[in-house]
Amino acid sequence: MATHIEKLGLSALYDVSYQTAKNYRSAIGSVNIHQSIPLPEDASWEKHLEIIQGMDELIAIHQLVPSEITIEIPTKLPIAIVNTADWHLGAFGVDYKSFKADVGLWESEPGVYVAAGGDGYHNIIQASKVGSSHNQAPISVQKGLYVLTLKKLINKILYISTGNHNYWTALADGEDWDKELSNRLKLVYTKHFARINLKVGNMVYPILRLHKGRFNSSFNLTHSAKQYQRMYYPEARIIVVEHQHLGAIEQYRYNDNECVAIRTGTYDVYDDYAQQNGFFGSHVCNPTVVLYPDEDRVIGFKDMREAVIYLRAVRNDKR
């Protein structure tokens, strides 16, 4: 391809008009001349597999989270694990007064640790839910409050998780924002579920947590948790299933050990979705488990503040 100046030179050299020189190939009838361009060879089965496997390994860096982790709390005194989820920060109808009071308790109470489950912010981002998206604060503000809450509790957070609301962003653009957040804040991330070996002093308490699970019963709220223990993780001592917004706790004997099955509540006590579909009973509930560091002892409380009263007494007694 010639430049403008070169085309002017050609038109002068051959005594033709500039338009003819500009369209030289067309003028001499060479428009349909094609150069032979070799096609790439067909990739082999082995090459396809090699490339796709390499892409899979690259994607895993951004998506894969260990499904079994160990967390250690060095202590000689009993501790309490507050199991909380479904904060739904930014939603209309959240009990922000209770949330503020509870965060203050978690932050200030010695020996209290927070297991932060899924759906920490409301995140109605899907186009199919555009009506519900008007019943929330801007998503950037929701995430801002969520991040600031985690920073406020940075020394008390046992782990953080995602939930179906959080994960709608990942389903839209492929980026797990909560995983990136956990990396930045150096927090343990359990994504959708995890088996957690919690070492408290000299004792190890296996925990299983899920945001959404199967085997649900409207009449027996801890049924799902107990079935997951029976079918998948019989060594678990604490089994936590979130998502349904109805808090419940059951302490029982299984596999010759004292165990606790938990369903977490929510701060989203007025939920438009629940109202329109007949799901009633949502309430603030953060079931709490007191664990001992020097003997195998697990004690569950549905009322978090009752657990704190007990914790203060036993920690005082152990001093």
C-alpha atoms as a PDB file:
ATOM      1  CA  MET A   1       0.000   0.000   0.000  1.00  0.00           C
ATOM      2  CA  ALA A   2       1.447   3.352  -1.060  1.00  0.00           C
ATOM      3  CA  THR A   3       1.325   6.550   0.919  1.00  0.00           C
ATOM      4  CA  HIS A   4      -0.399   9.672  -0.375  1.00  0.00           C
ATOM      5  CA  ILE A   5       2.935  11.217  -1.436  1.00  0.00           C
ATOM      6  CA  GLU A   6       3.970   7.995  -3.203  1.00  0.00           C
ATOM      7  CA  LYS A   7       0.707   7.918  -5.122  1.00  0.00           C
ATOM      8  CA  LEU A   8       1.250  11.493  -6.277  1.00  0.00           C
ATOM      9  CA  GLY A   9       4.719  10.481  -7.458  1.00  0.00           C
ATOM     10  CA  LEU A  10       3.357   7.509  -9.401  1.00  0.00           C
ATOM     11  CA  SER A  11       0.730   9.615 -11.129  1.00  0.00           C
ATOM     12  CA  ALA A  12       3.419  12.056 -12.286  1.00  0.00           C
ATOM     13  CA  LEU A  13       5.838   9.274 -13.335  1.00  0.00           C
ATOM     14  CA  TYR A  14       3.305   7.456 -15.544  1.00  0.00           C
ATOM     15  CA  ASP A  15       1.423  10.572 -16.641  1.00  0.00           C
ATOM     16  CA  VAL A  16      -1.887   9.403 -15.265  1.00  0.00           C
ATOM     17  CA  SER A  17      -4.424  11.073 -13.060  1.00  0.00           C
ATOM     18  CA  TYR A  18      -4.095  10.855  -9.293  1.00  0.00           C
ATOM     19  CA  GLN A  19      -7.380   8.937  -9.127  1.00  0.00           C
ATOM     20  CA  THR A  20      -5.998   6.309 -11.531  1.00  0.00           C
ATOM     21  CA  ALA A  21      -2.794   5.995  -9.547  1.00  0.00           C
ATOM     22  CA  LYS A  22      -4.778   5.688  -6.308  1.00  0.00           C
ATOM     23  CA  ASN A  23      -6.854   2.853  -7.797  1.00  0.00           C
ATOM     24  CA  TYR A  24      -4.015   1.308  -9.789  1.00  0.00           C
ATOM     25  CA  ARG A  25      -4.859  -2.352  -9.046  1.00  0.00           C
ATOM     26  CA  SER A  26      -8.451  -1.802 -10.095  1.00  0.00           C
ATOM     27  CA  ALA A  27      -7.397   0.055 -13.255  1.00  0.00           C
ATOM     28  CA  ILE A  28      -5.187  -2.836 -14.492  1.00  0.00           C
ATOM     29  CA  GLY A  29      -7.757  -5.445 -13.540  1.00  0.00           C
ATOM     30  CA  SER A  30      -5.798  -7.049 -10.742  1.00  0.00           C
ATOM     31  CA  VAL A  31      -8.483  -6.658  -8.105  1.00  0.00           C
ATOM     32  CA  ASN A  32      -9.333 -10.356  -8.020  1.00  0.00           C
ATOM     33  CA  ILE A  33      -5.774 -11.546  -7.640  1.00  0.00           C
ATOM     34  CA  HIS A  34      -5.539 -13.523  -4.397  1.00  0.00           C
ATOM     35  CA  GLN A  35      -2.446 -14.439  -2.505  1.00  0.00           C
ATOM     36  CA  SER A  36      -2.259 -17.943  -1.125  1.00  0.00           C
ATOM     37  CA  ILE A  37      -2.506 -17.824   2.663  1.00  0.00           C
ATOM     38  CA  PRO A  38      -1.659 -21.156   4.317  1.00  0.00           C
ATOM     39  CA  LEU A  39      -4.126 -22.356   6.939  1.00  0.00           C
ATOM     40  CA  PRO A  40      -2.851 -23.552  10.311  1.00  0.00           C
ATOM     41  CA  GLU A  41      -2.683 -27.274  10.757  1.00  0.00           C
ATOM     42  CA  ASP A  42      -5.490 -28.932  12.685  1.00  0.00           C
ATOM     43  CA  ALA A  43      -4.610 -29.129  16.390  1.00  0.00           C
ATOM     44  CA  SER A  44      -4.384 -32.637  17.772  1.00  0.00           C
ATOM     45  CA  TRP A  45      -6.454 -34.157  20.561  1.00  0.00           C
ATOM     46  CA  GLU A  46      -3.378 -33.935  22.761  1.00  0.00           C
ATOM     47  CA  LYS A  47      -2.911 -30.232  21.966  1.00  0.00           C
ATOM     48  CA  HIS A  48      -6.554 -29.440  22.759  1.00  0.00           C
ATOM     49  CA  LEU A  49      -6.281 -31.232  26.089  1.00  0.00           C
ATOM     50  CA  GLU A  50      -2.958 -29.562  26.936  1.00  0.00           C
ATOM     51  CA  ILE A  51      -4.261 -26.051  26.239  1.00  0.00           C
ATOM     52  CA  ILE A  52      -7.587 -26.518  28.031  1.00  0.00           C
ATOM     53  CA  GLN A  53      -5.829 -28.067  31.028  1.00  0.00           C
ATOM     54  CA  GLY A  54      -3.499 -25.059  31.156  1.00  0.00           C
ATOM     55  CA  MET A  55      -6.477 -22.683  31.068  1.00  0.00           C
ATOM     56  CA  ASP A  56      -8.129 -24.695  33.829  1.00  0.00           C
ATOM     57  CA  GLU A  57      -5.046 -24.295  36.002  1.00  0.00           C
ATOM     58  CA  LEU A  58      -5.021 -20.545  35.329  1.00  0.00           C
ATOM     59  CA  ILE A  59      -8.719 -20.179  36.235  1.00  0.00           C
ATOM     60  CA  ALA A  60      -8.147 -22.208  39.416  1.00  0.00           C
ATOM     61  CA  ILE A  61      -5.803 -19.504  40.704  1.00  0.00           C
ATOM     62  CA  HIS A  62      -8.763 -17.104  40.766  1.00  0.00           C
ATOM     63  CA  GLN A  63     -11.528 -19.481  41.821  1.00  0.00           C
ATOM     64  CA  LEU A  64     -10.228 -22.459  43.803  1.00  0.00           C
ATOM     65  CA  VAL A  65     -10.498 -22.314  47.593  1.00  0.00           C
ATOM     66  CA  PRO A  66      -9.369 -25.112  49.959  1.00  0.00           C
ATOM     67  CA  SER A  67     -12.339 -27.124  51.211  1.00  0.00           C
ATOM     68  CA  GLU A  68     -10.536 -28.170  54.400  1.00  0.00           C
ATOM     69  CA  ILE A  69      -8.627 -25.709  56.556  1.00  0.00           C
ATOM     70  CA  THR A  70      -7.102 -25.501  60.031  1.00  0.00           C
ATOM     71  CA  ILE A  71      -7.523 -22.492  62.303  1.00  0.00           C
ATOM     72  CA  GLU A  72      -5.688 -22.241  65.603  1.00  0.00           C
ATOM     73  CA  ILE A  73      -6.700 -20.142  68.616  1.00  0.00           C
ATOM     74  CA  PRO A  74      -3.976 -20.296  71.283  1.00  0.00           C
ATOM     75  CA  THR A  75      -5.716 -19.933  74.643  1.00  0.00           C
ATOM     76  CA  LYS A  76      -5.905 -21.392  78.130  1.00  0.00           C
ATOM     77  CA  LEU A  77      -9.410 -20.064  78.682  1.00  0.00           C
ATOM     78  CA  PRO A  78     -12.749 -21.114  77.131  1.00  0.00           C
ATOM     79  CA  ILE A  79     -13.852 -19.196  74.054  1.00  0.00           C
ATOM     80  CA  ALA A  80     -17.135 -18.596  72.246  1.00  0.00           C
ATOM     81  CA  ILE A  81     -17.748 -18.919  68.508  1.00  0.00           C
ATOM     82  CA  VAL A  82     -20.629 -16.738  67.277  1.00  0.00           C
ATOM     83  CA  ASN A  83     -22.138 -18.279  64.138  1.00  0.00           C
ATOM     84  CA  THR A  84     -23.679 -15.461  62.160  1.00  0.00           C
ATOM     85  CA  ALA A  85     -24.809 -15.108  58.547  1.00  0.00           C
ATOM     86  CA  ASP A  86     -27.271 -13.377  56.244  1.00  0.00           C
ATOM     87  CA  TRP A  87     -26.568  -9.840  57.409  1.00  0.00           C
ATOM     88  CA  HIS A  88     -27.932  -8.541  54.075  1.00  0.00           C
ATOM     89  CA  LEU A  89     -26.393  -5.131  54.664  1.00  0.00           C
ATOM     90  CA  GLY A  90     -27.965  -2.567  52.368  1.00  0.00           C
ATOM     91  CA  ALA A  91     -31.367  -4.250  52.185  1.00  0.00           C
ATOM     92  CA  PHE A  92     -34.576  -2.525  53.167  1.00  0.00           C
ATOM     93  CA  GLY A  93     -35.871  -4.051  56.420  1.00  0.00           C
ATOM     94  CA  VAL A  94     -32.560  -4.913  58.094  1.00  0.00           C
ATOM     95  CA  ASP A  95     -32.478  -4.519  61.889  1.00  0.00           C
ATOM     96  CA  TYR A  96     -29.497  -2.162  61.863  1.00  0.00           C
ATOM     97  CA  LYS A  97     -29.970  -1.291  65.529  1.00  0.00           C
ATOM     98  CA  SER A  98     -29.418  -4.902  66.575  1.00  0.00           C
ATOM     99  CA  PHE A  99     -26.554  -5.247  64.106  1.00  0.00           C
ATOM    100  CA  LYS A 100     -24.774  -2.221  65.561  1.00  0.00           C
ATOM    101  CA  ALA A 101     -25.210  -3.514  69.127  1.00  0.00           C
ATOM    102  CA  ASP A 102     -23.982  -6.999  68.223  1.00  0.00           C
ATOM    103  CA  VAL A 103     -20.917  -5.733  66.350  1.00  0.00           C
ATOM    104  CA  GLY A 104     -20.049  -3.672  69.432  1.00  0.00           C
ATOM    105  CA  LEU A 105     -20.305  -6.793  71.595  1.00  0.00           C
ATOM    106  CA  TRP A 106     -18.192  -8.907  69.243  1.00  0.00           C
ATOM    107  CA  GLU A 107     -15.543  -6.211  69.065  1.00  0.00           C
ATOM    108  CA  SER A 108     -15.211  -5.664  72.797  1.00  0.00           C
ATOM    109  CA  GLU A 109     -15.912  -9.027  74.467  1.00  0.00           C
ATOM    110  CA  PRO A 110     -12.789 -11.063  75.377  1.00  0.00           C
ATOM    111  CA  GLY A 111     -12.833 -14.638  74.142  1.00  0.00           C
ATOM    112  CA  VAL A 112     -15.562 -14.072  71.527  1.00  0.00           C
ATOM    113  CA  TYR A 113     -14.829 -14.948  67.885  1.00  0.00           C
ATOM    114  CA  VAL A 114     -17.067 -14.426  64.866  1.00  0.00           C
ATOM    115  CA  ALA A 115     -17.692 -17.039  62.170  1.00  0.00           C
ATOM    116  CA  ALA A 116     -19.070 -14.792  59.417  1.00  0.00           C
ATOM    117  CA  GLY A 117     -21.247 -16.745  57.012  1.00  0.00           C
ATOM    118  CA  GLY A 118     -22.650 -15.867  53.617  1.00  0.00           C
ATOM    119  CA  ASP A 119     -24.834 -13.045  52.312  1.00  0.00           C
ATOM    120  CA  GLY A 120     -23.068 -10.316  54.248  1.00  0.00           C
ATOM    121  CA  TYR A 121     -24.480  -7.719  51.856  1.00  0.00           C
ATOM    122  CA  HIS A 122     -27.706  -7.714  49.826  1.00  0.00           C
ATOM    123  CA  ASN A 123     -26.265  -7.277  46.316  1.00  0.00           C
ATOM    124  CA  ILE A 124     -29.419  -7.427  44.188  1.00  0.00           C
ATOM    125  CA  ILE A 125     -27.504  -7.022  40.938  1.00  0.00           C
ATOM    126  CA  GLN A 126     -29.336  -9.365  38.576  1.00  0.00           C
ATOM    127  CA  ALA A 127     -31.374  -7.864  35.759  1.00  0.00           C
ATOM    128  CA  SER A 128     -34.135 -10.379  36.455  1.00  0.00           C
ATOM    129  CA  LYS A 129     -34.558  -8.862  39.934  1.00  0.00           C
ATOM    130  CA  VAL A 130     -34.674  -5.218  38.879  1.00  0.00           C
ATOM    131  CA  GLY A 131     -37.754  -4.536  41.029  1.00  0.00           C
ATOM    132  CA  SER A 132     -36.079  -5.793  44.193  1.00  0.00           C
ATOM    133  CA  SER A 133     -32.974  -3.778  43.351  1.00  0.00           C
ATOM    134  CA  HIS A 134     -34.888  -0.601  44.239  1.00  0.00           C
ATOM    135  CA  ASN A 135     -35.346  -1.837  47.831  1.00  0.00           C
ATOM    136  CA  GLN A 136     -31.672  -1.486  48.689  1.00  0.00           C
ATOM    137  CA  ALA A 137     -28.880   1.013  49.136  1.00  0.00           C
ATOM    138  CA  PRO A 138     -26.413   1.380  46.232  1.00  0.00           C
ATOM    139  CA  ILE A 139     -24.288  -1.750  46.039  1.00  0.00           C
ATOM    140  CA  SER A 140     -21.041   0.201  46.377  1.00  0.00           C
ATOM    141  CA  VAL A 141     -22.329   1.525  49.725  1.00  0.00           C
ATOM    142  CA  GLN A 142     -23.372  -1.976  50.841  1.00  0.00           C
ATOM    143  CA  LYS A 143     -19.918  -3.353  50.094  1.00  0.00           C
ATOM    144  CA  GLY A 144     -18.341  -0.370  51.801  1.00  0.00           C
ATOM    145  CA  LEU A 145     -20.225  -1.071  55.034  1.00  0.00           C
ATOM    146  CA  TYR A 146     -19.402  -4.779  54.770  1.00  0.00           C
ATOM    147  CA  VAL A 147     -15.676  -4.121  54.336  1.00  0.00           C
ATOM    148  CA  LEU A 148     -15.619  -1.585  57.164  1.00  0.00           C
ATOM    149  CA  THR A 149     -17.392  -4.090  59.437  1.00  0.00           C
ATOM    150  CA  LEU A 150     -14.761  -6.740  58.687  1.00  0.00           C
ATOM    151  CA  LYS A 151     -11.983  -4.234  59.337  1.00  0.00           C
ATOM    152  CA  LYS A 152     -13.624  -3.247  62.606  1.00  0.00           C
ATOM    153  CA  LEU A 153     -13.674  -6.934  63.648  1.00  0.00           C
ATOM    154  CA  ILE A 154     -10.378  -7.879  62.022  1.00  0.00           C
ATOM    155  CA  ASN A 155      -8.984  -9.506  65.194  1.00  0.00           C
ATOM    156  CA  LYS A 156     -12.236 -11.317  65.951  1.00  0.00           C
ATOM    157  CA  ILE A 157     -13.121 -12.844  62.574  1.00  0.00           C
ATOM    158  CA  LEU A 158     -12.634 -16.606  62.403  1.00  0.00           C
ATOM    159  CA  TYR A 159     -13.468 -16.771  58.714  1.00  0.00           C
ATOM    160  CA  ILE A 160     -15.630 -15.112  56.064  1.00  0.00           C
ATOM    161  CA  SER A 161     -17.776 -16.736  53.383  1.00  0.00           C
ATOM    162  CA  THR A 162     -19.769 -15.994  50.290  1.00  0.00           C
ATOM    163  CA  GLY A 163     -23.481 -16.623  49.798  1.00  0.00           C
ATOM    164  CA  ASN A 164     -25.937 -16.774  46.939  1.00  0.00           C
ATOM    165  CA  HIS A 165     -26.455 -12.975  47.125  1.00  0.00           C
ATOM    166  CA  ASN A 166     -22.719 -12.224  47.221  1.00  0.00           C
ATOM    167  CA  TYR A 167     -22.036 -14.728  44.471  1.00  0.00           C
ATOM    168  CA  TRP A 168     -24.441 -13.169  41.979  1.00  0.00           C
ATOM    169  CA  THR A 169     -21.579 -10.826  41.069  1.00  0.00           C
ATOM    170  CA  ALA A 170     -19.267 -13.769  40.378  1.00  0.00           C
ATOM    171  CA  LEU A 171     -21.972 -15.418  38.264  1.00  0.00           C
ATOM    172  CA  ALA A 172     -22.289 -12.194  36.234  1.00  0.00           C
ATOM    173  CA  ASP A 173     -18.625 -11.441  35.545  1.00  0.00           C
ATOM    174  CA  GLY A 174     -16.620 -14.444  36.780  1.00  0.00           C
ATOM    175  CA  GLU A 175     -14.769 -12.534  39.507  1.00  0.00           C
ATOM    176  CA  ASP A 176     -15.069 -13.787  43.089  1.00  0.00           C
ATOM    177  CA  TRP A 177     -14.969 -10.414  44.828  1.00  0.00           C
ATOM    178  CA  ASP A 178     -15.151 -11.956  48.314  1.00  0.00           C
ATOM    179  CA  LYS A 179     -12.101 -14.116  47.646  1.00  0.00           C
ATOM    180  CA  GLU A 180     -10.147 -11.050  46.575  1.00  0.00           C
ATOM    181  CA  LEU A 181     -11.373  -9.195  49.665  1.00  0.00           C
ATOM    182  CA  SER A 182     -10.219 -12.019  51.945  1.00  0.00           C
ATOM    183  CA  ASN A 183      -6.776 -11.913  50.320  1.00  0.00           C
ATOM    184  CA  ARG A 184      -6.490  -8.158  50.865  1.00  0.00           C
ATOM    185  CA  LEU A 185      -7.614  -8.317  54.498  1.00  0.00           C
ATOM    186  CA  LYS A 186      -5.693 -11.565  55.154  1.00  0.00           C
ATOM    187  CA  LEU A 187      -8.828 -13.368  56.348  1.00  0.00           C
ATOM    188  CA  VAL A 188      -9.680 -17.054  55.984  1.00  0.00           C
ATOM    189  CA  TYR A 189     -12.171 -17.564  53.140  1.00  0.00           C
ATOM    190  CA  THR A 190     -14.484 -20.593  53.181  1.00  0.00           C
ATOM    191  CA  LYS A 191     -16.452 -19.705  50.002  1.00  0.00           C
ATOM    192  CA  HIS A 192     -19.613 -21.865  49.719  1.00  0.00           C
ATOM    193  CA  PHE A 193     -18.600 -24.454  52.323  1.00  0.00           C
ATOM    194  CA  ALA A 194     -15.620 -25.730  54.276  1.00  0.00           C
ATOM    195  CA  ARG A 195     -14.492 -28.331  56.754  1.00  0.00           C
ATOM    196  CA  ILE A 196     -12.637 -26.494  59.503  1.00  0.00           C
ATOM    197  CA  ASN A 197     -10.321 -28.064  62.036  1.00  0.00           C
ATOM    198  CA  LEU A 198     -10.556 -25.548  64.855  1.00  0.00           C
ATOM    199  CA  LYS A 199      -7.738 -25.953  67.354  1.00  0.00           C
ATOM    200  CA  VAL A 200      -8.630 -24.306  70.668  1.00  0.00           C
ATOM    201  CA  GLY A 201      -5.741 -24.597  73.094  1.00  0.00           C
ATOM    202  CA  ASN A 202      -4.995 -28.336  73.239  1.00  0.00           C
ATOM    203  CA  MET A 203      -8.327 -29.450  71.758  1.00  0.00           C
ATOM    204  CA  VAL A 204      -9.409 -29.848  68.115  1.00  0.00           C
ATOM    205  CA  TYR A 205     -13.070 -29.331  67.209  1.00  0.00           C
ATOM    206  CA  PRO A 206     -13.981 -30.269  63.588  1.00  0.00           C
ATOM    207  CA  ILE A 207     -16.596 -27.929  62.063  1.00  0.00           C
ATOM    208  CA  LEU A 208     -18.625 -28.148  58.864  1.00  0.00           C
ATOM    209  CA  ARG A 209     -20.236 -24.988  57.479  1.00  0.00           C
ATOM    210  CA  LEU A 210     -22.362 -24.434  54.380  1.00  0.00           C
ATOM    211  CA  HIS A 211     -24.339 -21.488  53.146  1.00  0.00           C
ATOM    212  CA  LYS A 212     -26.962 -23.455  51.229  1.00  0.00           C
ATOM    213  CA  GLY A 213     -27.618 -27.135  51.727  1.00  0.00           C
ATOM    214  CA  ARG A 214     -29.958 -30.011  50.954  1.00  0.00           C
ATOM    215  CA  PHE A 215     -32.131 -32.166  53.244  1.00  0.00           C
ATOM    216  CA  ASN A 216     -34.090 -29.143  54.500  1.00  0.00           C
ATOM    217  CA  SER A 217     -37.192 -29.527  56.640  1.00  0.00           C
ATOM    218  CA  SER A 218     -39.641 -26.789  57.593  1.00  0.00           C
ATOM    219  CA  PHE A 219     -40.602 -28.796  60.677  1.00  0.00           C
ATOM    220  CA  ASN A 220     -37.126 -29.867  61.823  1.00  0.00           C
ATOM    221  CA  LEU A 221     -34.763 -26.972  61.173  1.00  0.00           C
ATOM    222  CA  THR A 222     -31.580 -28.805  62.208  1.00  0.00           C
ATOM    223  CA  HIS A 223     -32.340 -31.821  60.007  1.00  0.00           C
ATOM    224  CA  SER A 224     -30.132 -30.583  57.156  1.00  0.00           C
ATOM    225  CA  ALA A 225     -27.110 -30.073  59.428  1.00  0.00           C
ATOM    226  CA  LYS A 226     -27.427 -33.517  61.008  1.00  0.00           C
ATOM    227  CA  GLN A 227     -27.826 -35.247  57.652  1.00  0.00           C
ATOM    228  CA  TYR A 228     -24.664 -33.593  56.336  1.00  0.00           C
ATOM    229  CA  GLN A 229     -22.818 -34.851  59.392  1.00  0.00           C
ATOM    230  CA  ARG A 230     -24.206 -38.370  58.984  1.00  0.00           C
ATOM    231  CA  MET A 231     -23.558 -38.611  55.233  1.00  0.00           C
ATOM    232  CA  TYR A 232     -20.389 -36.592  54.685  1.00  0.00           C
ATOM    233  CA  TYR A 233     -18.535 -35.634  57.844  1.00  0.00           C
ATOM    234  CA  PRO A 234     -19.270 -37.856  60.863  1.00  0.00           C
ATOM    235  CA  GLU A 235     -16.239 -36.429  62.684  1.00  0.00           C
ATOM    236  CA  ALA A 236     -17.799 -32.956  62.791  1.00  0.00           C
ATOM    237  CA  ARG A 237     -18.668 -31.571  66.211  1.00  0.00           C
ATOM    238  CA  ILE A 238     -20.363 -28.389  64.993  1.00  0.00           C
ATOM    239  CA  ILE A 239     -22.410 -28.290  61.792  1.00  0.00           C
ATOM    240  CA  VAL A 240     -23.652 -24.912  60.537  1.00  0.00           C
ATOM    241  CA  VAL A 241     -26.108 -24.379  57.665  1.00  0.00           C
ATOM    242  CA  GLU A 242     -27.158 -20.826  56.808  1.00  0.00           C
ATOM    243  CA  HIS A 243     -29.450 -19.186  54.221  1.00  0.00           C
ATOM    244  CA  GLN A 244     -32.987 -19.882  55.501  1.00  0.00           C
ATOM    245  CA  HIS A 245     -33.057 -16.968  58.011  1.00  0.00           C
ATOM    246  CA  LEU A 246     -34.611 -19.136  60.759  1.00  0.00           C
ATOM    247  CA  GLY A 247     -32.282 -19.603  63.719  1.00  0.00           C
ATOM    248  CA  ALA A 248     -32.175 -22.956  65.499  1.00  0.00           C
ATOM    249  CA  ILE A 249     -29.751 -25.036  67.535  1.00  0.00           C
ATOM    250  CA  GLU A 250     -29.714 -28.603  68.793  1.00  0.00           C
ATOM    251  CA  GLN A 251     -27.179 -30.308  71.025  1.00  0.00           C
ATOM    252  CA  TYR A 252     -27.077 -34.092  70.762  1.00  0.00           C
ATOM    253  CA  ARG A 253     -24.874 -37.171  70.987  1.00  0.00           C
ATOM    254  CA  TYR A 254     -23.435 -38.598  67.770  1.00  0.00           C
ATOM    255  CA  ASN A 255     -20.465 -40.839  67.053  1.00  0.00           C
ATOM    256  CA  ASP A 256     -19.926 -40.997  70.825  1.00  0.00           C
ATOM    257  CA  ASN A 257     -19.338 -37.227  70.976  1.00  0.00           C
ATOM    258  CA  GLU A 258     -21.324 -34.170  72.033  1.00  0.00           C
ATOM    259  CA  CYS A 259     -22.279 -32.276  68.863  1.00  0.00           C
ATOM    260  CA  VAL A 260     -24.170 -29.122  67.952  1.00  0.00           C
ATOM    261  CA  ALA A 261     -26.309 -28.566  64.833  1.00  0.00           C
ATOM    262  CA  ILE A 262     -26.992 -24.923  63.930  1.00  0.00           C
ATOM    263  CA  ARG A 263     -29.176 -22.914  61.571  1.00  0.00           C
ATOM    264  CA  THR A 264     -28.284 -19.234  61.609  1.00  0.00           C
ATOM    265  CA  GLY A 265     -30.815 -16.395  61.601  1.00  0.00           C
ATOM    266  CA  THR A 266     -30.633 -13.036  59.840  1.00  0.00           C
ATOM    267  CA  TYR A 267     -30.672  -9.291  60.395  1.00  0.00           C
ATOM    268  CA  ASP A 268     -32.985  -8.935  57.383  1.00  0.00           C
ATOM    269  CA  VAL A 269     -36.083  -9.328  59.538  1.00  0.00           C
ATOM    270  CA  TYR A 270     -38.444  -7.695  57.038  1.00  0.00           C
ATOM    271  CA  ASP A 271     -37.758  -9.458  53.760  1.00  0.00           C
ATOM    272  CA  ASP A 272     -40.008  -8.606  50.816  1.00  0.00           C
ATOM    273  CA  TYR A 273     -39.191 -11.914  49.102  1.00  0.00           C
ATOM    274  CA  ALA A 274     -40.108 -13.872  52.239  1.00  0.00           C
ATOM    275  CA  GLN A 275     -43.322 -11.916  52.657  1.00  0.00           C
ATOM    276  CA  GLN A 276     -44.526 -12.526  49.120  1.00  0.00           C
ATOM    277  CA  ASN A 277     -43.679 -16.239  49.212  1.00  0.00           C
ATOM    278  CA  GLY A 278     -45.022 -17.017  52.675  1.00  0.00           C
ATOM    279  CA  PHE A 279     -41.718 -17.618  54.483  1.00  0.00           C
ATOM    280  CA  PHE A 280     -42.361 -16.285  57.962  1.00  0.00           C
ATOM    281  CA  GLY A 281     -40.326 -16.259  61.144  1.00  0.00           C
ATOM    282  CA  SER A 282     -37.075 -14.574  60.072  1.00  0.00           C
ATOM    283  CA  HIS A 283     -35.327 -13.235  63.162  1.00  0.00           C
ATOM    284  CA  VAL A 284     -31.993 -12.059  64.488  1.00  0.00           C
ATOM    285  CA  CYS A 285     -30.235 -15.141  65.790  1.00  0.00           C
ATOM    286  CA  ASN A 286     -26.520 -15.885  66.070  1.00  0.00           C
ATOM    287  CA  PRO A 287     -26.226 -19.322  67.731  1.00  0.00           C
ATOM    288  CA  THR A 288     -23.075 -19.452  69.807  1.00  0.00           C
ATOM    289  CA  VAL A 289     -20.913 -22.356  70.959  1.00  0.00           C
ATOM    290  CA  VAL A 290     -18.590 -22.250  73.965  1.00  0.00           C
ATOM    291  CA  LEU A 291     -15.477 -24.422  73.569  1.00  0.00           C
ATOM    292  CA  TYR A 292     -12.944 -25.449  76.193  1.00  0.00           C
ATOM    293  CA  PRO A 293      -9.179 -25.569  75.504  1.00  0.00           C
ATOM    294  CA  ASP A 294      -8.185 -28.235  78.022  1.00  0.00           C
ATOM    295  CA  GLU A 295     -11.094 -30.716  77.902  1.00  0.00           C
ATOM    296  CA  ASP A 296     -13.495 -31.955  75.242  1.00  0.00           C
ATOM    297  CA  ARG A 297     -16.481 -29.775  76.015  1.00  0.00           C
ATOM    298  CA  VAL A 298     -18.955 -28.191  73.598  1.00  0.00           C
ATOM    299  CA  ILE A 299     -21.899 -26.146  74.882  1.00  0.00           C
ATOM    300  CA  GLY A 300     -24.377 -24.497  72.532  1.00  0.00           C
ATOM    301  CA  PHE A 301     -26.653 -21.471  73.040  1.00  0.00           C
ATOM    302  CA  LYS A 302     -29.332 -20.136  70.711  1.00  0.00           C
ATOM    303  CA  ASP A 303     -29.178 -16.760  72.469  1.00  0.00           C
ATOM    304  CA  MET A 304     -25.747 -15.214  71.918  1.00  0.00           C
ATOM    305  CA  ARG A 305     -25.975 -13.007  74.980  1.00  0.00           C
ATOM    306  CA  GLU A 306     -26.768 -15.968  77.217  1.00  0.00           C
ATOM    307  CA  ALA A 307     -23.609 -17.587  75.860  1.00  0.00           C
ATOM    308  CA  VAL A 308     -21.597 -14.465  76.706  1.00  0.00           C
ATOM    309  CA  ILE A 309     -22.925 -14.472  80.287  1.00  0.00           C
ATOM    310  CA  TYR A 310     -21.856 -18.113  80.616  1.00  0.00           C
ATOM    311  CA  LEU A 311     -18.476 -17.425  78.971  1.00  0.00           C
ATOM    312  CA  ARG A 312     -17.686 -14.602  81.370  1.00  0.00           C
ATOM    313  CA  ALA A 313     -18.418 -16.855  84.337  1.00  0.00           C
ATOM    314  CA  VAL A 314     -16.301 -19.806  83.204  1.00  0.00           C
ATOM    315  CA  ARG A 315     -13.396 -17.673  82.037  1.00  0.00           C
ATOM    316  CA  ASN A 316     -13.441 -15.893  85.408  1.00  0.00           C
ATOM    317  CA  ASP A 317     -13.550 -19.239  87.168  1.00  0.00           C
ATOM    318  CA  LYS A 318     -10.550 -20.543  85.198  1.00  0.00           C
ATOM    319  CA  ARG A 319      -8.293 -17.578  85.973  1.00  0.00           C
END
